Amino acid sequence: MRHAAEWADVWYPTPPLADPLLTESIPRFREMVAEAGRDPNSVAVGTAPAAVDEASLEAYRRNGVAHVNIYLGGETPAQMLQELDRLAKLRTSVFGS
């Protein structure tokens, strides 16, 4: 976290079990960025949780996460397309069109 605060353009943590929505981690990271002499808003935060629902995606948005990579799975191409449609609707419900 400290190295990212000092030089990264994006901090991309794997959410820890104790803070899965990064509610505590992001403010701590922003403090480290400021301590490193950088503008805390100049370093984006991204994450790659295994899966999200509307509540967790909303929490990531509220906590200042700019990038969320979500697993797209399916046994067949048709299932993957269905999952992609579901994720698109989820994104729209949280972030708008």
C-alpha atoms as a PDB file:
ATOM      1  CA  MET A   1       0.000   0.000   0.000  1.00  0.00           C
ATOM      2  CA  ARG A   2       2.789   2.423   0.904  1.00  0.00           C
ATOM      3  CA  HIS A   3       4.652   1.831  -2.379  1.00  0.00           C
ATOM      4  CA  ALA A   4       1.470   2.479  -4.360  1.00  0.00           C
ATOM      5  CA  ALA A   5       0.886   5.669  -2.370  1.00  0.00           C
ATOM      6  CA  GLU A   6       4.351   6.875  -3.330  1.00  0.00           C
ATOM      7  CA  TRP A   7       4.417   6.145  -7.066  1.00  0.00           C
ATOM      8  CA  ALA A   8       1.344   4.427  -8.552  1.00  0.00           C
ATOM      9  CA  ASP A   9      -1.283   5.932 -10.823  1.00  0.00           C
ATOM     10  CA  VAL A  10      -3.839   3.355  -9.614  1.00  0.00           C
ATOM     11  CA  TRP A  11      -3.904   1.301  -6.433  1.00  0.00           C
ATOM     12  CA  TYR A  12      -5.418  -2.120  -7.211  1.00  0.00           C
ATOM     13  CA  PRO A  13      -5.775  -4.121  -3.992  1.00  0.00           C
ATOM     14  CA  THR A  14      -7.400  -7.489  -3.597  1.00  0.00           C
ATOM     15  CA  PRO A  15     -10.065  -6.724  -0.989  1.00  0.00           C
ATOM     16  CA  PRO A  16      -8.964  -8.137   2.377  1.00  0.00           C
ATOM     17  CA  LEU A  17     -11.358 -10.404   4.256  1.00  0.00           C
ATOM     18  CA  ALA A  18     -11.521  -7.916   7.117  1.00  0.00           C
ATOM     19  CA  ASP A  19     -12.446  -5.035   4.758  1.00  0.00           C
ATOM     20  CA  PRO A  20     -14.064  -6.543   1.649  1.00  0.00           C
ATOM     21  CA  LEU A  21     -15.569  -3.260   0.432  1.00  0.00           C
ATOM     22  CA  LEU A  22     -12.396  -1.244   1.176  1.00  0.00           C
ATOM     23  CA  THR A  23     -14.352   1.009   3.543  1.00  0.00           C
ATOM     24  CA  GLU A  24     -11.386   1.353   5.912  1.00  0.00           C
ATOM     25  CA  SER A  25      -8.563   0.679   3.471  1.00  0.00           C
ATOM     26  CA  ILE A  26      -9.250   3.525   1.037  1.00  0.00           C
ATOM     27  CA  PRO A  27      -9.159   6.340   3.633  1.00  0.00           C
ATOM     28  CA  ARG A  28      -5.937   4.855   5.047  1.00  0.00           C
ATOM     29  CA  PHE A  29      -4.486   4.681   1.526  1.00  0.00           C
ATOM     30  CA  ARG A  30      -5.490   8.290   0.776  1.00  0.00           C
ATOM     31  CA  GLU A  31      -3.712   9.376   3.976  1.00  0.00           C
ATOM     32  CA  MET A  32      -0.565   7.566   2.812  1.00  0.00           C
ATOM     33  CA  VAL A  33      -0.774   9.298  -0.567  1.00  0.00           C
ATOM     34  CA  ALA A  34      -0.984  12.685   1.172  1.00  0.00           C
ATOM     35  CA  GLU A  35       1.921  11.766   3.468  1.00  0.00           C
ATOM     36  CA  ALA A  36       3.942  10.968   0.336  1.00  0.00           C
ATOM     37  CA  GLY A  37       3.352  14.554  -0.829  1.00  0.00           C
ATOM     38  CA  ARG A  38       0.838  13.652  -3.518  1.00  0.00           C
ATOM     39  CA  ASP A  39      -2.746  14.718  -4.120  1.00  0.00           C
ATOM     40  CA  PRO A  40      -4.904  11.858  -2.767  1.00  0.00           C
ATOM     41  CA  ASN A  41      -7.409  12.380  -5.569  1.00  0.00           C
ATOM     42  CA  SER A  42      -4.709  11.890  -8.208  1.00  0.00           C
ATOM     43  CA  VAL A  43      -4.409   8.164  -7.512  1.00  0.00           C
ATOM     44  CA  ALA A  44      -7.399   6.118  -8.600  1.00  0.00           C
ATOM     45  CA  VAL A  45      -8.472   2.964  -6.766  1.00  0.00           C
ATOM     46  CA  GLY A  46      -9.508  -0.209  -8.535  1.00  0.00           C
ATOM     47  CA  THR A  47     -10.280  -3.717  -7.357  1.00  0.00           C
ATOM     48  CA  ALA A  48     -11.048  -7.165  -8.664  1.00  0.00           C
ATOM     49  CA  PRO A  49     -13.494  -8.955  -6.387  1.00  0.00           C
ATOM     50  CA  ALA A  50     -14.625 -12.412  -7.421  1.00  0.00           C
ATOM     51  CA  ALA A  51     -18.228 -11.265  -7.775  1.00  0.00           C
ATOM     52  CA  VAL A  52     -20.455  -8.330  -6.894  1.00  0.00           C
ATOM     53  CA  ASP A  53     -24.098  -7.641  -6.262  1.00  0.00           C
ATOM     54  CA  GLU A  54     -25.856  -4.280  -6.387  1.00  0.00           C
ATOM     55  CA  ALA A  55     -25.145  -3.476  -2.730  1.00  0.00           C
ATOM     56  CA  SER A  56     -21.424  -4.214  -2.952  1.00  0.00           C
ATOM     57  CA  LEU A  57     -21.020  -2.359  -6.258  1.00  0.00           C
ATOM     58  CA  GLU A  58     -22.815   0.623  -4.732  1.00  0.00           C
ATOM     59  CA  ALA A  59     -20.498   0.445  -1.703  1.00  0.00           C
ATOM     60  CA  TYR A  60     -17.432   0.402  -3.964  1.00  0.00           C
ATOM     61  CA  ARG A  61     -18.774   3.460  -5.787  1.00  0.00           C
ATOM     62  CA  ARG A  62     -19.519   5.251  -2.518  1.00  0.00           C
ATOM     63  CA  ASN A  63     -16.053   4.391  -1.176  1.00  0.00           C
ATOM     64  CA  GLY A  64     -14.356   5.926  -4.214  1.00  0.00           C
ATOM     65  CA  VAL A  65     -13.417   2.857  -6.250  1.00  0.00           C
ATOM     66  CA  ALA A  66     -13.011   3.932  -9.865  1.00  0.00           C
ATOM     67  CA  HIS A  67     -12.403   0.524 -11.481  1.00  0.00           C
ATOM     68  CA  VAL A  68     -14.054  -2.805 -10.628  1.00  0.00           C
ATOM     69  CA  ASN A  69     -13.036  -5.865 -12.628  1.00  0.00           C
ATOM     70  CA  ILE A  70     -15.646  -8.574 -12.305  1.00  0.00           C
ATOM     71  CA  TYR A  71     -15.292 -12.219 -13.225  1.00  0.00           C
ATOM     72  CA  LEU A  72     -17.287 -13.153 -16.308  1.00  0.00           C
ATOM     73  CA  GLY A  73     -17.930 -16.865 -16.280  1.00  0.00           C
ATOM     74  CA  GLY A  74     -20.166 -19.409 -17.900  1.00  0.00           C
ATOM     75  CA  GLU A  75     -20.079 -22.958 -19.180  1.00  0.00           C
ATOM     76  CA  THR A  76     -21.047 -21.909 -22.701  1.00  0.00           C
ATOM     77  CA  PRO A  77     -20.811 -18.755 -24.799  1.00  0.00           C
ATOM     78  CA  ALA A  78     -24.579 -18.315 -24.357  1.00  0.00           C
ATOM     79  CA  GLN A  79     -24.230 -18.410 -20.561  1.00  0.00           C
ATOM     80  CA  MET A  80     -21.399 -15.919 -20.735  1.00  0.00           C
ATOM     81  CA  LEU A  81     -23.559 -13.570 -22.793  1.00  0.00           C
ATOM     82  CA  GLN A  82     -26.388 -13.916 -20.253  1.00  0.00           C
ATOM     83  CA  GLU A  83     -23.950 -13.073 -17.455  1.00  0.00           C
ATOM     84  CA  LEU A  84     -22.636 -10.116 -19.430  1.00  0.00           C
ATOM     85  CA  ASP A  85     -26.215  -8.840 -19.845  1.00  0.00           C
ATOM     86  CA  ARG A  86     -26.773  -9.239 -16.088  1.00  0.00           C
ATOM     87  CA  LEU A  87     -23.590  -7.321 -15.307  1.00  0.00           C
ATOM     88  CA  ALA A  88     -24.526  -4.551 -17.750  1.00  0.00           C
ATOM     89  CA  LYS A  89     -27.890  -4.143 -15.990  1.00  0.00           C
ATOM     90  CA  LEU A  90     -26.129  -4.143 -12.617  1.00  0.00           C
ATOM     91  CA  ARG A  91     -23.726  -1.449 -13.780  1.00  0.00           C
ATOM     92  CA  THR A  92     -26.573   0.682 -15.117  1.00  0.00           C
ATOM     93  CA  SER A  93     -28.570   0.298 -11.895  1.00  0.00           C
ATOM     94  CA  VAL A  94     -25.646   1.624  -9.836  1.00  0.00           C
ATOM     95  CA  PHE A  95     -23.950   4.116 -12.172  1.00  0.00           C
ATOM     96  CA  GLY A  96     -26.733   5.049 -14.585  1.00  0.00           C
ATOM     97  CA  SER A  97     -26.440   4.940 -18.356  1.00  0.00           C
END
